[in-house]
Amino acid sequence: MQLTFSSFDKTITADFKQLPFEKLLFFGTWCSEYLYTKYAQYLKEMGDDEGYEILTNAISYLWATVDKPSLIEESVVDEHIDNLHTIDIDNFDLVEVNDTGIMKVMECIESALVYIEEKNYEFIVASAYFPLDVIDVIMTNELGLDTNDPNKHIEHPLLKEEFDAQFKLIEYLKTHDGLTSADKHIFR
């Protein structure tokens, strides 16, 4: 079957509906970790040490809850969400990869945090798209590809690598239990 964004969405939505809370939290945190690893340092380079610390604390909290869900406290989750909203993004240019990367790591972390409270798998579906959003900016603004038709370049190695990693993790989550923060780089 030819992969399209529509088939991707249908597949992950169907799969995520079947997975329990802990496995979906792992997936959302895993996507956040990937973006954090690639782009959080950019905040420090811009002189926003406080923003970097907010992201670091939030991702650490997410991994702590993956390892021990009993640590979840709504007030702590709300505090991390509120802190994310204090990061200054006013001068970000969303055609710049690093700016988009920071925005997407913030959105991905927030989606995972909101998922903890809402327990709605759609927040984890959203987290699957945030790395793809950054790849779209790379393809459009760095590689000069026409990405108006989202499926036109779906076989591009950058997209293919991300889809493959996500599909591998989803298949793994269907049949394996017990992933922890020690597994944060699985399939990446």
C-alpha atoms as a PDB file:
ATOM      1  CA  MET A   1       0.000   0.000   0.000  1.00  0.00           C
ATOM      2  CA  GLN A   2       1.268   3.471  -0.900  1.00  0.00           C
ATOM      3  CA  LEU A   3       1.784   5.583   2.216  1.00  0.00           C
ATOM      4  CA  THR A   4      -0.111   8.869   2.299  1.00  0.00           C
ATOM      5  CA  PHE A   5      -0.641  11.272   5.158  1.00  0.00           C
ATOM      6  CA  SER A   6      -4.265  10.142   5.225  1.00  0.00           C
ATOM      7  CA  SER A   7      -3.293   6.459   5.537  1.00  0.00           C
ATOM      8  CA  PHE A   8      -0.680   7.384   8.167  1.00  0.00           C
ATOM      9  CA  ASP A   9      -3.322   9.221  10.193  1.00  0.00           C
ATOM     10  CA  LYS A  10      -5.818   6.355   9.920  1.00  0.00           C
ATOM     11  CA  THR A  11      -3.190   3.782  10.904  1.00  0.00           C
ATOM     12  CA  ILE A  12      -1.841   5.592  13.938  1.00  0.00           C
ATOM     13  CA  THR A  13      -5.309   6.623  15.088  1.00  0.00           C
ATOM     14  CA  ALA A  14      -6.523   3.015  14.956  1.00  0.00           C
ATOM     15  CA  ASP A  15      -3.384   1.779  16.706  1.00  0.00           C
ATOM     16  CA  PHE A  16      -3.436   4.467  19.387  1.00  0.00           C
ATOM     17  CA  LYS A  17      -7.082   3.730  20.225  1.00  0.00           C
ATOM     18  CA  GLN A  18      -5.933   0.229  21.229  1.00  0.00           C
ATOM     19  CA  LEU A  19      -2.887   1.150  23.324  1.00  0.00           C
ATOM     20  CA  PRO A  20      -3.052   1.780  27.073  1.00  0.00           C
ATOM     21  CA  PHE A  21      -2.165   5.065  28.775  1.00  0.00           C
ATOM     22  CA  GLU A  22       1.437   4.166  29.666  1.00  0.00           C
ATOM     23  CA  LYS A  23       2.335   3.138  26.119  1.00  0.00           C
ATOM     24  CA  LEU A  24       0.797   6.250  24.595  1.00  0.00           C
ATOM     25  CA  LEU A  25       2.585   8.419  27.145  1.00  0.00           C
ATOM     26  CA  PHE A  26       5.832   6.733  26.146  1.00  0.00           C
ATOM     27  CA  PHE A  27       5.175   7.483  22.461  1.00  0.00           C
ATOM     28  CA  GLY A  28       4.391  11.164  23.109  1.00  0.00           C
ATOM     29  CA  THR A  29       7.407  11.574  25.361  1.00  0.00           C
ATOM     30  CA  TRP A  30       9.599   9.734  22.821  1.00  0.00           C
ATOM     31  CA  CYS A  31       8.571  12.209  20.095  1.00  0.00           C
ATOM     32  CA  SER A  32       9.205  15.090  22.505  1.00  0.00           C
ATOM     33  CA  GLU A  33      12.633  13.706  23.374  1.00  0.00           C
ATOM     34  CA  TYR A  34      13.596  13.469  19.712  1.00  0.00           C
ATOM     35  CA  LEU A  35      12.706  17.114  19.067  1.00  0.00           C
ATOM     36  CA  TYR A  36      14.217  18.219  22.383  1.00  0.00           C
ATOM     37  CA  THR A  37      17.518  16.510  21.541  1.00  0.00           C
ATOM     38  CA  LYS A  38      17.649  18.160  18.117  1.00  0.00           C
ATOM     39  CA  TYR A  39      16.435  21.690  18.942  1.00  0.00           C
ATOM     40  CA  ALA A  40      16.349  22.617  22.651  1.00  0.00           C
ATOM     41  CA  GLN A  41      20.002  23.670  22.628  1.00  0.00           C
ATOM     42  CA  TYR A  42      19.035  26.402  20.161  1.00  0.00           C
ATOM     43  CA  LEU A  43      17.292  28.274  22.998  1.00  0.00           C
ATOM     44  CA  LYS A  44      20.585  28.407  24.902  1.00  0.00           C
ATOM     45  CA  GLU A  45      22.360  29.617  21.779  1.00  0.00           C
ATOM     46  CA  MET A  46      19.807  32.439  21.593  1.00  0.00           C
ATOM     47  CA  GLY A  47      20.570  33.322  25.220  1.00  0.00           C
ATOM     48  CA  ASP A  48      17.314  31.950  26.608  1.00  0.00           C
ATOM     49  CA  ASP A  49      18.733  29.788  29.380  1.00  0.00           C
ATOM     50  CA  GLU A  50      15.440  30.005  31.274  1.00  0.00           C
ATOM     51  CA  GLY A  51      13.466  28.676  28.283  1.00  0.00           C
ATOM     52  CA  TYR A  52      15.963  25.846  27.885  1.00  0.00           C
ATOM     53  CA  GLU A  53      15.580  24.989  31.574  1.00  0.00           C
ATOM     54  CA  ILE A  54      11.770  24.971  31.241  1.00  0.00           C
ATOM     55  CA  LEU A  55      12.003  22.482  28.361  1.00  0.00           C
ATOM     56  CA  THR A  56      14.561  20.382  30.229  1.00  0.00           C
ATOM     57  CA  ASN A  57      12.422  20.247  33.373  1.00  0.00           C
ATOM     58  CA  ALA A  58       9.291  19.374  31.390  1.00  0.00           C
ATOM     59  CA  ILE A  59      10.943  16.562  29.424  1.00  0.00           C
ATOM     60  CA  SER A  60      12.495  15.224  32.645  1.00  0.00           C
ATOM     61  CA  TYR A  61       9.072  15.240  34.279  1.00  0.00           C
ATOM     62  CA  LEU A  62       7.546  13.381  31.323  1.00  0.00           C
ATOM     63  CA  TRP A  63      10.212  10.669  31.537  1.00  0.00           C
ATOM     64  CA  ALA A  64       9.735  10.438  35.299  1.00  0.00           C
ATOM     65  CA  THR A  65       6.003   9.841  34.747  1.00  0.00           C
ATOM     66  CA  VAL A  66       6.748   7.233  32.074  1.00  0.00           C
ATOM     67  CA  ASP A  67       8.900   5.421  34.640  1.00  0.00           C
ATOM     68  CA  LYS A  68       6.473   5.876  37.509  1.00  0.00           C
ATOM     69  CA  PRO A  69       2.937   7.008  36.574  1.00  0.00           C
ATOM     70  CA  SER A  70       2.033   7.265  40.252  1.00  0.00           C
ATOM     71  CA  LEU A  71       4.101  10.494  40.309  1.00  0.00           C
ATOM     72  CA  ILE A  72       1.437  12.260  38.254  1.00  0.00           C
ATOM     73  CA  GLU A  73      -0.037  15.275  40.006  1.00  0.00           C
ATOM     74  CA  GLU A  74      -2.364  17.548  38.078  1.00  0.00           C
ATOM     75  CA  SER A  75      -0.947  20.679  39.721  1.00  0.00           C
ATOM     76  CA  VAL A  76       2.591  19.740  38.610  1.00  0.00           C
ATOM     77  CA  VAL A  77       1.391  19.006  35.076  1.00  0.00           C
ATOM     78  CA  ASP A  78      -0.391  22.385  34.995  1.00  0.00           C
ATOM     79  CA  GLU A  79       2.740  24.128  36.250  1.00  0.00           C
ATOM     80  CA  HIS A  80       4.830  22.634  33.432  1.00  0.00           C
ATOM     81  CA  ILE A  81       2.211  23.699  30.871  1.00  0.00           C
ATOM     82  CA  ASP A  82       2.102  27.216  32.317  1.00  0.00           C
ATOM     83  CA  ASN A  83       5.910  27.407  32.253  1.00  0.00           C
ATOM     84  CA  LEU A  84       5.993  26.408  28.574  1.00  0.00           C
ATOM     85  CA  HIS A  85       3.762  29.392  27.829  1.00  0.00           C
ATOM     86  CA  THR A  86       6.362  31.760  29.328  1.00  0.00           C
ATOM     87  CA  ILE A  87       9.002  30.940  26.694  1.00  0.00           C
ATOM     88  CA  ASP A  88       9.341  33.986  24.443  1.00  0.00           C
ATOM     89  CA  ILE A  89       8.541  33.001  20.866  1.00  0.00           C
ATOM     90  CA  ASP A  90       7.605  36.449  19.559  1.00  0.00           C
ATOM     91  CA  ASN A  91      10.676  36.759  17.335  1.00  0.00           C
ATOM     92  CA  PHE A  92      10.527  33.240  15.934  1.00  0.00           C
ATOM     93  CA  ASP A  93      10.386  32.909  12.168  1.00  0.00           C
ATOM     94  CA  LEU A  94       8.571  29.717  11.241  1.00  0.00           C
ATOM     95  CA  VAL A  95      10.415  29.380   7.948  1.00  0.00           C
ATOM     96  CA  GLU A  96      13.594  28.857   9.994  1.00  0.00           C
ATOM     97  CA  VAL A  97      14.205  25.242  10.961  1.00  0.00           C
ATOM     98  CA  ASN A  98      15.551  25.963  14.454  1.00  0.00           C
ATOM     99  CA  ASP A  99      12.659  28.300  15.303  1.00  0.00           C
ATOM    100  CA  THR A 100      10.147  25.748  14.045  1.00  0.00           C
ATOM    101  CA  GLY A 101      12.006  23.008  15.923  1.00  0.00           C
ATOM    102  CA  ILE A 102      11.680  24.895  19.212  1.00  0.00           C
ATOM    103  CA  MET A 103       7.992  25.575  18.564  1.00  0.00           C
ATOM    104  CA  LYS A 104       7.364  21.915  17.786  1.00  0.00           C
ATOM    105  CA  VAL A 105       9.244  20.613  20.826  1.00  0.00           C
ATOM    106  CA  MET A 106       7.146  22.977  22.954  1.00  0.00           C
ATOM    107  CA  GLU A 107       3.935  21.786  21.285  1.00  0.00           C
ATOM    108  CA  CYS A 108       4.950  18.142  21.550  1.00  0.00           C
ATOM    109  CA  ILE A 109       5.787  18.413  25.253  1.00  0.00           C
ATOM    110  CA  GLU A 110       2.540  20.267  25.866  1.00  0.00           C
ATOM    111  CA  SER A 111       0.549  17.612  23.991  1.00  0.00           C
ATOM    112  CA  ALA A 112       2.086  14.880  26.153  1.00  0.00           C
ATOM    113  CA  LEU A 113       1.360  16.876  29.309  1.00  0.00           C
ATOM    114  CA  VAL A 114      -2.243  17.539  28.281  1.00  0.00           C
ATOM    115  CA  TYR A 115      -2.582  13.848  27.406  1.00  0.00           C
ATOM    116  CA  ILE A 116      -1.689  13.018  31.016  1.00  0.00           C
ATOM    117  CA  GLU A 117      -4.689  15.070  32.181  1.00  0.00           C
ATOM    118  CA  GLU A 118      -7.177  14.424  29.394  1.00  0.00           C
ATOM    119  CA  LYS A 119      -6.213  10.825  28.521  1.00  0.00           C
ATOM    120  CA  ASN A 120      -7.349  11.540  24.962  1.00  0.00           C
ATOM    121  CA  TYR A 121      -5.242   9.639  22.411  1.00  0.00           C
ATOM    122  CA  GLU A 122      -5.661  12.498  19.901  1.00  0.00           C
ATOM    123  CA  PHE A 123      -2.978  14.436  21.797  1.00  0.00           C
ATOM    124  CA  ILE A 124      -0.575  11.592  21.056  1.00  0.00           C
ATOM    125  CA  VAL A 125      -1.660  11.502  17.413  1.00  0.00           C
ATOM    126  CA  ALA A 126      -0.699  15.197  17.318  1.00  0.00           C
ATOM    127  CA  SER A 127       2.714  14.419  18.807  1.00  0.00           C
ATOM    128  CA  ALA A 128       3.406  12.055  15.891  1.00  0.00           C
ATOM    129  CA  TYR A 129       3.016  14.991  13.506  1.00  0.00           C
ATOM    130  CA  PHE A 130       5.328  17.498  15.222  1.00  0.00           C
ATOM    131  CA  PRO A 131       8.574  15.921  13.939  1.00  0.00           C
ATOM    132  CA  LEU A 132       6.971  15.765  10.474  1.00  0.00           C
ATOM    133  CA  ASP A 133       6.197  19.491  10.674  1.00  0.00           C
ATOM    134  CA  VAL A 134       9.885  20.267  11.203  1.00  0.00           C
ATOM    135  CA  ILE A 135      10.835  17.986   8.308  1.00  0.00           C
ATOM    136  CA  ASP A 136       8.367  19.889   6.123  1.00  0.00           C
ATOM    137  CA  VAL A 137      10.176  23.164   6.910  1.00  0.00           C
ATOM    138  CA  ILE A 138      13.526  21.529   6.113  1.00  0.00           C
ATOM    139  CA  MET A 139      12.200  20.186   2.822  1.00  0.00           C
ATOM    140  CA  THR A 140      10.547  23.470   1.842  1.00  0.00           C
ATOM    141  CA  ASN A 141      13.008  26.085   3.047  1.00  0.00           C
ATOM    142  CA  GLU A 142      16.354  24.305   3.058  1.00  0.00           C
ATOM    143  CA  LEU A 143      15.932  21.848   0.206  1.00  0.00           C
ATOM    144  CA  GLY A 144      13.613  24.030  -1.913  1.00  0.00           C
ATOM    145  CA  LEU A 145      11.050  21.287  -2.519  1.00  0.00           C
ATOM    146  CA  ASP A 146       7.439  22.110  -3.302  1.00  0.00           C
ATOM    147  CA  THR A 147       5.525  20.663  -0.358  1.00  0.00           C
ATOM    148  CA  ASN A 148       2.099  22.115  -1.175  1.00  0.00           C
ATOM    149  CA  ASP A 149       0.938  18.588  -2.011  1.00  0.00           C
ATOM    150  CA  PRO A 150       1.821  16.817   1.237  1.00  0.00           C
ATOM    151  CA  ASN A 151       2.059  13.412  -0.437  1.00  0.00           C
ATOM    152  CA  LYS A 152       4.315  14.543  -3.304  1.00  0.00           C
ATOM    153  CA  HIS A 153       7.551  13.897  -1.396  1.00  0.00           C
ATOM    154  CA  ILE A 154       6.299  11.299   1.093  1.00  0.00           C
ATOM    155  CA  GLU A 155       9.041   8.899  -0.002  1.00  0.00           C
ATOM    156  CA  HIS A 156      11.776  11.498   0.643  1.00  0.00           C
ATOM    157  CA  PRO A 157      14.449   9.960   2.896  1.00  0.00           C
ATOM    158  CA  LEU A 158      13.844  12.518   5.681  1.00  0.00           C
ATOM    159  CA  LEU A 159      10.145  11.683   5.872  1.00  0.00           C
ATOM    160  CA  LYS A 160      10.659   7.980   5.282  1.00  0.00           C
ATOM    161  CA  GLU A 161      13.119   7.764   8.164  1.00  0.00           C
ATOM    162  CA  GLU A 162      10.650   9.431  10.544  1.00  0.00           C
ATOM    163  CA  PHE A 163       7.690   7.324   9.404  1.00  0.00           C
ATOM    164  CA  ASP A 164       9.781   4.152   9.727  1.00  0.00           C
ATOM    165  CA  ALA A 165      10.896   5.024  13.271  1.00  0.00           C
ATOM    166  CA  GLN A 166       7.334   5.784  14.358  1.00  0.00           C
ATOM    167  CA  PHE A 167       5.867   2.652  12.765  1.00  0.00           C
ATOM    168  CA  LYS A 168       8.579   0.491  14.358  1.00  0.00           C
ATOM    169  CA  LEU A 169       7.835   1.926  17.786  1.00  0.00           C
ATOM    170  CA  ILE A 170       4.085   1.513  17.365  1.00  0.00           C
ATOM    171  CA  GLU A 171       4.495  -2.132  16.345  1.00  0.00           C
ATOM    172  CA  TYR A 172       6.840  -2.663  19.280  1.00  0.00           C
ATOM    173  CA  LEU A 173       4.374  -1.059  21.707  1.00  0.00           C
ATOM    174  CA  LYS A 174       1.608  -3.398  20.518  1.00  0.00           C
ATOM    175  CA  THR A 175       3.538  -6.471  21.642  1.00  0.00           C
ATOM    176  CA  HIS A 176       5.961  -5.331  24.365  1.00  0.00           C
ATOM    177  CA  ASP A 177       5.491  -3.923  27.838  1.00  0.00           C
ATOM    178  CA  GLY A 178       7.804  -2.135  30.187  1.00  0.00           C
ATOM    179  CA  LEU A 179       9.480   0.564  28.114  1.00  0.00           C
ATOM    180  CA  THR A 180      11.153   3.116  30.372  1.00  0.00           C
ATOM    181  CA  SER A 181      13.186   6.308  30.102  1.00  0.00           C
ATOM    182  CA  ALA A 182      16.205   4.061  29.471  1.00  0.00           C
ATOM    183  CA  ASP A 183      14.571   3.269  26.105  1.00  0.00           C
ATOM    184  CA  LYS A 184      14.129   6.921  25.074  1.00  0.00           C
ATOM    185  CA  HIS A 185      16.261   6.512  21.938  1.00  0.00           C
ATOM    186  CA  ILE A 186      14.753   3.229  20.722  1.00  0.00           C
ATOM    187  CA  PHE A 187      14.474   3.138  16.909  1.00  0.00           C
ATOM    188  CA  ARG A 188      16.221   6.525  16.567  1.00  0.00           C
END
